[in-house]
PDB file of N, CA and C in Angstrom:
ATOM      1  N   UNK A   1      18.695   1.556  15.866  1.00  0.00           N
ATOM      2  CA  UNK A   1      18.085   1.867  14.979  1.00  0.00           C
ATOM      3  C   UNK A   1      16.630   1.320  15.608  1.00  0.00           C
ATOM      4  N   UNK A   2      15.475   2.181  15.182  1.00  0.00           N
ATOM      5  CA  UNK A   2      14.243   1.950  16.550  1.00  0.00           C
ATOM      6  C   UNK A   2      13.909   1.069  14.668  1.00  0.00           C
ATOM      7  N   UNK A   3      14.178   1.220  13.896  1.00  0.00           N
ATOM      8  CA  UNK A   3      13.354   0.304  12.276  1.00  0.00           C
ATOM      9  C   UNK A   3      14.233  -0.035  11.551  1.00  0.00           C
ATOM     10  N   UNK A   4      14.494  -0.860  11.658  1.00  0.00           N
ATOM     11  CA  UNK A   4      16.111  -1.457  11.232  1.00  0.00           C
ATOM     12  C   UNK A   4      15.559  -2.620   9.434  1.00  0.00           C
ATOM     13  N   UNK A   5      14.142  -2.745   9.388  1.00  0.00           N
ATOM     14  CA  UNK A   5      14.533  -3.228   7.702  1.00  0.00           C
ATOM     15  C   UNK A   5      12.603  -3.298   7.531  1.00  0.00           C
ATOM     16  N   UNK A   6      12.570  -2.024   6.452  1.00  0.00           N
ATOM     17  CA  UNK A   6      10.958  -1.748   6.703  1.00  0.00           C
ATOM     18  C   UNK A   6       9.811  -1.251   7.421  1.00  0.00           C
ATOM     19  N   UNK A   7      10.937  -0.529   8.350  1.00  0.00           N
ATOM     20  CA  UNK A   7       9.393   0.195   9.447  1.00  0.00           C
ATOM     21  C   UNK A   7       9.213  -0.842  10.486  1.00  0.00           C
ATOM     22  N   UNK A   8       9.820  -1.514  11.044  1.00  0.00           N
ATOM     23  CA  UNK A   8       9.871  -2.821  11.592  1.00  0.00           C
ATOM     24  C   UNK A   8       8.684  -4.219  10.635  1.00  0.00           C
ATOM     25  N   UNK A   9       7.937  -4.204   9.716  1.00  0.00           N
ATOM     26  CA  UNK A   9       7.723  -5.338   8.930  1.00  0.00           C
ATOM     27  C   UNK A   9       8.355  -6.628   8.897  1.00  0.00           C
ATOM     28  N   UNK A  10       7.984  -7.704   9.157  1.00  0.00           N
ATOM     29  CA  UNK A  10       8.472  -8.781   9.104  1.00  0.00           C
ATOM     30  C   UNK A  10       7.861  -8.886   7.305  1.00  0.00           C
ATOM     31  N   UNK A  11       9.257  -9.818   6.537  1.00  0.00           N
ATOM     32  CA  UNK A  11       8.416  -9.817   5.421  1.00  0.00           C
ATOM     33  C   UNK A  11       7.074 -10.070   5.087  1.00  0.00           C
ATOM     34  N   UNK A  12       6.667 -11.154   5.976  1.00  0.00           N
ATOM     35  CA  UNK A  12       5.392 -11.906   5.432  1.00  0.00           C
ATOM     36  C   UNK A  12       4.470 -10.933   6.323  1.00  0.00           C
ATOM     37  N   UNK A  13       4.847  -9.892   7.038  1.00  0.00           N
ATOM     38  CA  UNK A  13       3.808  -8.680   6.929  1.00  0.00           C
ATOM     39  C   UNK A  13       3.701  -7.871   5.758  1.00  0.00           C
ATOM     40  N   UNK A  14       5.063  -7.577   5.728  1.00  0.00           N
ATOM     41  CA  UNK A  14       5.146  -6.799   3.817  1.00  0.00           C
ATOM     42  C   UNK A  14       4.903  -7.692   2.980  1.00  0.00           C
ATOM     43  N   UNK A  15       4.307  -8.782   2.632  1.00  0.00           N
ATOM     44  CA  UNK A  15       3.833  -9.211   1.562  1.00  0.00           C
ATOM     45  C   UNK A  15       2.425  -9.051   1.870  1.00  0.00           C
ATOM     46  N   UNK A  16       1.640  -9.390   3.345  1.00  0.00           N
ATOM     47  CA  UNK A  16       0.336  -8.918   3.696  1.00  0.00           C
ATOM     48  C   UNK A  16       0.196  -7.540   3.054  1.00  0.00           C
ATOM     49  N   UNK A  17       0.458  -6.567   3.762  1.00  0.00           N
ATOM     50  CA  UNK A  17       0.689  -5.328   3.142  1.00  0.00           C
ATOM     51  C   UNK A  17      -0.061  -4.957   1.865  1.00  0.00           C
ATOM     52  N   UNK A  18       1.337  -6.102   0.817  1.00  0.00           N
ATOM     53  CA  UNK A  18       0.913  -5.888  -0.377  1.00  0.00           C
ATOM     54  C   UNK A  18      -0.227  -6.171  -0.730  1.00  0.00           C
ATOM     55  N   UNK A  19      -0.567  -7.154  -0.660  1.00  0.00           N
ATOM     56  CA  UNK A  19      -1.940  -7.777  -1.243  1.00  0.00           C
ATOM     57  C   UNK A  19      -2.506  -6.522  -0.667  1.00  0.00           C
ATOM     58  N   UNK A  20      -2.889  -6.577   0.302  1.00  0.00           N
ATOM     59  CA  UNK A  20      -3.932  -5.122   0.441  1.00  0.00           C
ATOM     60  C   UNK A  20      -4.336  -4.404  -0.812  1.00  0.00           C
ATOM     61  N   UNK A  21      -2.738  -3.391  -0.820  1.00  0.00           N
ATOM     62  CA  UNK A  21      -2.697  -2.731  -1.391  1.00  0.00           C
ATOM     63  C   UNK A  21      -2.922  -2.757  -3.206  1.00  0.00           C
ATOM     64  N   UNK A  22      -2.955  -4.140  -3.148  1.00  0.00           N
ATOM     65  CA  UNK A  22      -3.241  -4.851  -4.893  1.00  0.00           C
ATOM     66  C   UNK A  22      -5.173  -4.356  -4.712  1.00  0.00           C
ATOM     67  N   UNK A  23      -5.483  -5.323  -3.290  1.00  0.00           N
ATOM     68  CA  UNK A  23      -6.957  -4.689  -3.358  1.00  0.00           C
ATOM     69  C   UNK A  23      -7.833  -3.647  -3.195  1.00  0.00           C
ATOM     70  N   UNK A  24      -7.143  -2.503  -2.796  1.00  0.00           N
ATOM     71  CA  UNK A  24      -7.843  -1.187  -3.114  1.00  0.00           C
ATOM     72  C   UNK A  24      -7.465  -1.003  -4.690  1.00  0.00           C
ATOM     73  N   UNK A  25      -6.359  -1.416  -5.465  1.00  0.00           N
ATOM     74  CA  UNK A  25      -6.324  -0.799  -6.636  1.00  0.00           C
ATOM     75  C   UNK A  25      -7.665  -1.715  -7.318  1.00  0.00           C
ATOM     76  N   UNK A  26      -8.146  -3.190  -6.694  1.00  0.00           N
ATOM     77  CA  UNK A  26      -9.088  -3.890  -7.420  1.00  0.00           C
ATOM     78  C   UNK A  26     -10.382  -2.647  -7.703  1.00  0.00           C
ATOM     79  N   UNK A  27     -10.061  -2.108  -6.388  1.00  0.00           N
ATOM     80  CA  UNK A  27     -11.252  -1.610  -5.790  1.00  0.00           C
ATOM     81  C   UNK A  27     -11.425   0.378  -6.448  1.00  0.00           C
ATOM     82  N   UNK A  28     -10.172   0.760  -6.207  1.00  0.00           N
ATOM     83  CA  UNK A  28      -9.942   1.966  -7.244  1.00  0.00           C
ATOM     84  C   UNK A  28     -10.992   1.772  -8.416  1.00  0.00           C
ATOM     85  N   UNK A  29     -10.542  -0.171  -8.974  1.00  0.00           N
ATOM     86  CA  UNK A  29     -10.297  -0.007 -10.783  1.00  0.00           C
ATOM     87  C   UNK A  29     -12.700   0.141 -11.147  1.00  0.00           C
ATOM     88  N   UNK A  30     -13.117  -0.036 -10.105  1.00  0.00           N
ATOM     89  CA  UNK A  30     -14.542  -0.730  -9.839  1.00  0.00           C
ATOM     90  C   UNK A  30     -15.356   0.658  -9.667  1.00  0.00           C
ATOM     91  N   UNK A  31     -14.415   1.765  -9.091  1.00  0.00           N
ATOM     92  CA  UNK A  31     -14.735   3.104  -8.629  1.00  0.00           C
ATOM     93  C   UNK A  31     -15.351   3.362  -7.267  1.00  0.00           C
ATOM     94  N   UNK A  32     -15.361   2.389  -6.922  1.00  0.00           N
ATOM     95  CA  UNK A  32     -15.072   2.812  -5.105  1.00  0.00           C
ATOM     96  C   UNK A  32     -14.959   3.832  -4.578  1.00  0.00           C
ATOM     97  N   UNK A  33     -15.435   4.844  -3.326  1.00  0.00           N
ATOM     98  CA  UNK A  33     -14.961   5.689  -3.346  1.00  0.00           C
ATOM     99  C   UNK A  33     -13.953   5.640  -2.003  1.00  0.00           C
ATOM    100  N   UNK A  34     -13.142   6.567  -2.152  1.00  0.00           N
ATOM    101  CA  UNK A  34     -12.331   6.183  -0.657  1.00  0.00           C
ATOM    102  C   UNK A  34     -12.438   5.749   0.206  1.00  0.00           C
ATOM    103  N   UNK A  35     -12.984   6.132   0.885  1.00  0.00           N
ATOM    104  CA  UNK A  35     -13.984   6.324   1.698  1.00  0.00           C
ATOM    105  C   UNK A  35     -13.857   4.385   2.144  1.00  0.00           C
ATOM    106  N   UNK A  36     -14.692   4.259   1.315  1.00  0.00           N
ATOM    107  CA  UNK A  36     -15.388   2.757   1.346  1.00  0.00           C
ATOM    108  C   UNK A  36     -14.049   2.132   1.290  1.00  0.00           C
ATOM    109  N   UNK A  37     -13.103   2.549   0.484  1.00  0.00           N
ATOM    110  CA  UNK A  37     -11.724   1.676  -0.079  1.00  0.00           C
ATOM    111  C   UNK A  37     -11.751   1.155   1.388  1.00  0.00           C
ATOM    112  N   UNK A  38     -10.770   2.340   2.100  1.00  0.00           N
ATOM    113  CA  UNK A  38     -10.214   2.465   4.141  1.00  0.00           C
ATOM    114  C   UNK A  38     -10.533   1.503   4.378  1.00  0.00           C
ATOM    115  N   UNK A  39     -12.372   1.654   4.544  1.00  0.00           N
ATOM    116  CA  UNK A  39     -12.830   1.247   5.746  1.00  0.00           C
ATOM    117  C   UNK A  39     -13.057  -0.244   5.245  1.00  0.00           C
ATOM    118  N   UNK A  40     -13.481  -0.545   3.806  1.00  0.00           N
ATOM    119  CA  UNK A  40     -13.162  -1.731   3.566  1.00  0.00           C
ATOM    120  C   UNK A  40     -12.245  -2.860   3.735  1.00  0.00           C
ATOM    121  N   UNK A  41     -10.720  -1.875   3.919  1.00  0.00           N
ATOM    122  CA  UNK A  41      -9.366  -2.665   4.076  1.00  0.00           C
ATOM    123  C   UNK A  41      -8.842  -2.525   5.087  1.00  0.00           C
ATOM    124  N   UNK A  42      -9.824  -1.363   6.189  1.00  0.00           N
ATOM    125  CA  UNK A  42      -8.820  -1.121   7.692  1.00  0.00           C
ATOM    126  C   UNK A  42      -7.749  -0.417   7.443  1.00  0.00           C
ATOM    127  N   UNK A  43      -7.531   0.700   6.990  1.00  0.00           N
ATOM    128  CA  UNK A  43      -6.442   2.082   6.760  1.00  0.00           C
ATOM    129  C   UNK A  43      -6.918   2.328   6.587  1.00  0.00           C
ATOM    130  N   UNK A  44      -6.124   3.873   7.099  1.00  0.00           N
ATOM    131  CA  UNK A  44      -6.570   4.863   6.572  1.00  0.00           C
ATOM    132  C   UNK A  44      -6.761   5.596   5.135  1.00  0.00           C
ATOM    133  N   UNK A  45      -7.430   6.922   5.943  1.00  0.00           N
ATOM    134  CA  UNK A  45      -8.026   7.577   4.326  1.00  0.00           C
ATOM    135  C   UNK A  45      -6.569   7.930   3.510  1.00  0.00           C
ATOM    136  N   UNK A  46      -5.976   8.406   4.481  1.00  0.00           N
ATOM    137  CA  UNK A  46      -5.216   8.891   3.122  1.00  0.00           C
ATOM    138  C   UNK A  46      -3.919   8.201   3.184  1.00  0.00           C
ATOM    139  N   UNK A  47      -3.558   6.853   3.325  1.00  0.00           N
ATOM    140  CA  UNK A  47      -3.049   5.419   2.725  1.00  0.00           C
ATOM    141  C   UNK A  47      -3.260   5.871   1.235  1.00  0.00           C
ATOM    142  N   UNK A  48      -4.823   5.157   1.141  1.00  0.00           N
ATOM    143  CA  UNK A  48      -5.926   5.050   0.520  1.00  0.00           C
ATOM    144  C   UNK A  48      -5.899   6.203  -0.289  1.00  0.00           C
ATOM    145  N   UNK A  49      -5.263   7.442  -0.421  1.00  0.00           N
ATOM    146  CA  UNK A  49      -5.417   8.459  -1.462  1.00  0.00           C
ATOM    147  C   UNK A  49      -4.574   8.268  -1.820  1.00  0.00           C
ATOM    148  N   UNK A  50      -3.404   8.299  -1.447  1.00  0.00           N
ATOM    149  CA  UNK A  50      -1.468   8.120  -1.433  1.00  0.00           C
ATOM    150  C   UNK A  50      -1.744   6.468  -2.721  1.00  0.00           C
ATOM    151  N   UNK A  51      -2.585   5.637  -2.190  1.00  0.00           N
ATOM    152  CA  UNK A  51      -2.437   5.076  -3.541  1.00  0.00           C
ATOM    153  C   UNK A  51      -2.760   4.612  -4.729  1.00  0.00           C
ATOM    154  N   UNK A  52      -3.991   5.658  -4.785  1.00  0.00           N
ATOM    155  CA  UNK A  52      -4.782   6.152  -5.583  1.00  0.00           C
ATOM    156  C   UNK A  52      -3.894   6.899  -6.655  1.00  0.00           C
ATOM    157  N   UNK A  53      -3.311   7.559  -5.965  1.00  0.00           N
ATOM    158  CA  UNK A  53      -2.324   8.142  -6.995  1.00  0.00           C
ATOM    159  C   UNK A  53      -1.287   7.946  -7.304  1.00  0.00           C
ATOM    160  N   UNK A  54      -0.339   6.963  -6.651  1.00  0.00           N
ATOM    161  CA  UNK A  54       0.165   6.330  -7.340  1.00  0.00           C
ATOM    162  C   UNK A  54      -0.663   4.924  -8.196  1.00  0.00           C
ATOM    163  N   UNK A  55      -2.161   4.619  -7.845  1.00  0.00           N
ATOM    164  CA  UNK A  55      -2.309   3.706  -9.120  1.00  0.00           C
ATOM    165  C   UNK A  55      -2.992   4.480 -10.574  1.00  0.00           C
ATOM    166  N   UNK A  56      -3.279   5.834 -10.306  1.00  0.00           N
ATOM    167  CA  UNK A  56      -4.196   6.909 -11.231  1.00  0.00           C
ATOM    168  C   UNK A  56      -2.675   7.068 -12.517  1.00  0.00           C
ATOM    169  N   UNK A  57      -1.471   7.834 -11.379  1.00  0.00           N
ATOM    170  CA  UNK A  57       0.008   7.301 -12.172  1.00  0.00           C
ATOM    171  C   UNK A  57       0.790   6.637 -13.321  1.00  0.00           C
ATOM    172  N   UNK A  58       0.814   4.789 -12.511  1.00  0.00           N
ATOM    173  CA  UNK A  58       0.970   3.494 -13.074  1.00  0.00           C
ATOM    174  C   UNK A  58      -0.185   2.181 -13.305  1.00  0.00           C
ATOM    175  N   UNK A  59      -0.828   2.212 -12.429  1.00  0.00           N
ATOM    176  CA  UNK A  59      -1.518   1.036 -12.880  1.00  0.00           C
ATOM    177  C   UNK A  59      -1.179   0.264 -11.259  1.00  0.00           C
ATOM    178  N   UNK A  60      -1.105  -0.841 -10.647  1.00  0.00           N
ATOM    179  CA  UNK A  60      -1.273  -1.600 -10.002  1.00  0.00           C
ATOM    180  C   UNK A  60       0.273  -2.306  -9.993  1.00  0.00           C
ATOM    181  N   UNK A  61       1.001  -1.855 -11.012  1.00  0.00           N
ATOM    182  CA  UNK A  61       2.218  -2.318 -10.489  1.00  0.00           C
ATOM    183  C   UNK A  61       2.837  -1.342  -9.999  1.00  0.00           C
ATOM    184  N   UNK A  62       1.994  -0.066  -9.675  1.00  0.00           N
ATOM    185  CA  UNK A  62       3.014   1.209  -8.473  1.00  0.00           C
ATOM    186  C   UNK A  62       2.645   1.050  -7.364  1.00  0.00           C
ATOM    187  N   UNK A  63       1.735  -0.589  -7.113  1.00  0.00           N
ATOM    188  CA  UNK A  63       1.293  -0.356  -5.486  1.00  0.00           C
ATOM    189  C   UNK A  63       1.834  -1.807  -5.542  1.00  0.00           C
ATOM    190  N   UNK A  64       2.416  -2.414  -6.413  1.00  0.00           N
ATOM    191  CA  UNK A  64       4.330  -3.122  -5.826  1.00  0.00           C
ATOM    192  C   UNK A  64       5.101  -2.894  -4.403  1.00  0.00           C
ATOM    193  N   UNK A  65       5.230  -3.841  -4.004  1.00  0.00           N
ATOM    194  CA  UNK A  65       6.776  -4.004  -3.230  1.00  0.00           C
ATOM    195  C   UNK A  65       7.415  -3.975  -3.773  1.00  0.00           C
ATOM    196  N   UNK A  66       8.518  -3.150  -3.469  1.00  0.00           N
ATOM    197  CA  UNK A  66       9.928  -3.017  -4.243  1.00  0.00           C
ATOM    198  C   UNK A  66      10.547  -3.873  -3.076  1.00  0.00           C
ATOM    199  N   UNK A  67      10.651  -4.270  -2.331  1.00  0.00           N
ATOM    200  CA  UNK A  67      11.729  -4.991  -1.452  1.00  0.00           C
ATOM    201  C   UNK A  67      11.832  -4.272  -0.627  1.00  0.00           C
ATOM    202  N   UNK A  68      13.247  -4.634   0.523  1.00  0.00           N
ATOM    203  CA  UNK A  68      13.019  -4.457   1.914  1.00  0.00           C
ATOM    204  C   UNK A  68      14.208  -2.156   1.970  1.00  0.00           C
ATOM    205  N   UNK A  69      13.627  -1.577   1.568  1.00  0.00           N
ATOM    206  CA  UNK A  69      13.961  -0.041   2.008  1.00  0.00           C
ATOM    207  C   UNK A  69      15.457  -0.575   2.222  1.00  0.00           C
ATOM    208  N   UNK A  70      16.279   0.650   1.936  1.00  0.00           N
ATOM    209  CA  UNK A  70      18.425   0.616   2.113  1.00  0.00           C
ATOM    210  C   UNK A  70      17.900   2.117   2.977  1.00  0.00           C
ATOM    211  N   UNK A  71      18.903   1.736   3.826  1.00  0.00           N
ATOM    212  CA  UNK A  71      19.219   2.707   4.850  1.00  0.00           C
ATOM    213  C   UNK A  71      20.541   3.083   4.666  1.00  0.00           C
ATOM    214  N   UNK A  72      20.734   4.047   4.650  1.00  0.00           N
ATOM    215  CA  UNK A  72      22.034   5.213   4.203  1.00  0.00           C
ATOM    216  C   UNK A  72      22.219   5.945   5.638  1.00  0.00           C
ATOM    217  N   UNK A  73      22.625   5.265   6.390  1.00  0.00           N
ATOM    218  CA  UNK A  73      23.231   5.845   7.600  1.00  0.00           C
ATOM    219  C   UNK A  73      24.406   5.585   8.380  1.00  0.00           C
TER     220      UNK A  73
END
């Protein structure tokens, strides 16, 4: 199995990624453009668009980590 847990991210890396997503929520609330958010957080525009869609549907809580994904293989 290539990525055993969380796409290869350690727990500490997952926490760091969650902080990036939560920072994006603050930027969405300020009305920053997608491209500016992506550039500022050093992530892809595609990721920011996904996060923004989730944020619009349910707020910052939707961007919080839900833990390690389960593998049903």
